[in-house]
């Protein structure tokens, strides 16, 4: 978890998430941030990888049914 928090993308998304009144972000918003950071990569694939690492590090939860990313 601590190592993931050192990575810029995880820090950025965590900071944006914490500023939200409901502490949740839409999937498409997160995908957009990832696409800006990694424009040469497939944002859907990067999002899936991001979610897997975020879950493994207990940083974020992703609810597929609603498309919401929340703190872990």
Protein backbone atom coordinates (compact mmCIF):
# COMPACT_ATOMS: atom_id res chain seq x y z
CA UNK A 1 0.00 0.00 0.00
CA UNK A 2 2.74 2.43 0.94
CA UNK A 3 4.62 1.73 -2.29
CA UNK A 4 1.52 2.29 -4.42
CA UNK A 5 0.94 5.63 -2.70
CA UNK A 6 4.38 6.74 -3.91
CA UNK A 7 3.30 6.35 -7.52
CA UNK A 8 2.05 9.57 -9.08
CA UNK A 9 -1.15 8.20 -10.60
CA UNK A 10 -2.28 6.61 -7.36
CA UNK A 11 -1.44 9.78 -5.39
CA UNK A 12 -3.28 11.98 -7.88
CA UNK A 13 -6.43 9.86 -7.95
CA UNK A 14 -6.42 9.50 -4.18
CA UNK A 15 -6.12 13.30 -3.78
CA UNK A 16 -8.99 13.96 -6.21
CA UNK A 17 -11.10 11.28 -4.54
CA UNK A 18 -10.58 12.75 -1.07
CA UNK A 19 -11.78 16.17 -2.28
CA UNK A 20 -15.10 14.80 -3.51
CA UNK A 21 -18.04 15.30 -1.13
CA UNK A 22 -19.22 11.71 -1.63
CA UNK A 23 -15.65 10.38 -1.92
CA UNK A 24 -16.34 8.60 -5.17
CA UNK A 25 -15.31 9.04 -8.79
CA UNK A 26 -16.91 7.87 -11.99
CA UNK A 27 -15.05 5.19 -13.93
CA UNK A 28 -14.86 7.43 -17.01
CA UNK A 29 -13.27 10.26 -15.02
CA UNK A 30 -10.55 7.93 -13.73
CA UNK A 31 -10.05 6.50 -17.21
CA UNK A 32 -9.65 10.05 -18.49
CA UNK A 33 -6.93 10.80 -15.92
CA UNK A 34 -5.15 7.60 -16.86
CA UNK A 35 -5.44 8.42 -20.58
CA UNK A 36 -3.88 11.84 -19.98
CA UNK A 37 -1.01 10.32 -18.02
CA UNK A 38 -0.43 7.44 -20.46
CA UNK A 39 -1.68 8.64 -23.86
CA UNK A 40 0.01 5.86 -25.83
CA UNK A 41 -1.75 3.12 -23.84
CA UNK A 42 -5.25 1.66 -24.10
CA UNK A 43 -7.11 3.43 -21.30
CA UNK A 44 -9.52 0.53 -20.72
CA UNK A 45 -6.64 -1.89 -20.21
CA UNK A 46 -4.76 0.58 -18.01
CA UNK A 47 -7.91 1.11 -15.94
CA UNK A 48 -8.30 -2.64 -15.39
CA UNK A 49 -4.67 -2.90 -14.29
CA UNK A 50 -5.05 0.17 -12.07
CA UNK A 51 -8.10 -1.37 -10.37
CA UNK A 52 -6.31 -4.66 -9.78
CA UNK A 53 -3.34 -2.94 -8.15
CA UNK A 54 -5.60 -0.59 -6.16
CA UNK A 55 -7.57 -3.53 -4.81
CA UNK A 56 -4.41 -5.50 -4.01
CA UNK A 57 -3.05 -2.52 -2.07
CA UNK A 58 -6.42 -1.83 -0.44
CA UNK A 59 -6.29 1.76 -1.72
CA UNK A 60 -9.50 1.89 -3.72
CA UNK A 61 -12.64 -0.12 -4.31
CA UNK A 62 -14.28 -0.33 -7.70
CA UNK A 63 -17.91 -1.29 -8.00
CA UNK A 64 -18.53 -2.50 -11.53
CA UNK A 65 -22.32 -2.27 -11.30
CA UNK A 66 -22.25 1.48 -10.61
CA UNK A 67 -18.90 2.34 -12.20
CA UNK A 68 -17.75 4.06 -9.02
CA UNK A 69 -14.25 4.22 -7.55
CA UNK A 70 -14.13 4.79 -3.78
CA UNK A 71 -11.46 4.74 -1.06
CA UNK A 72 -10.48 1.25 0.07
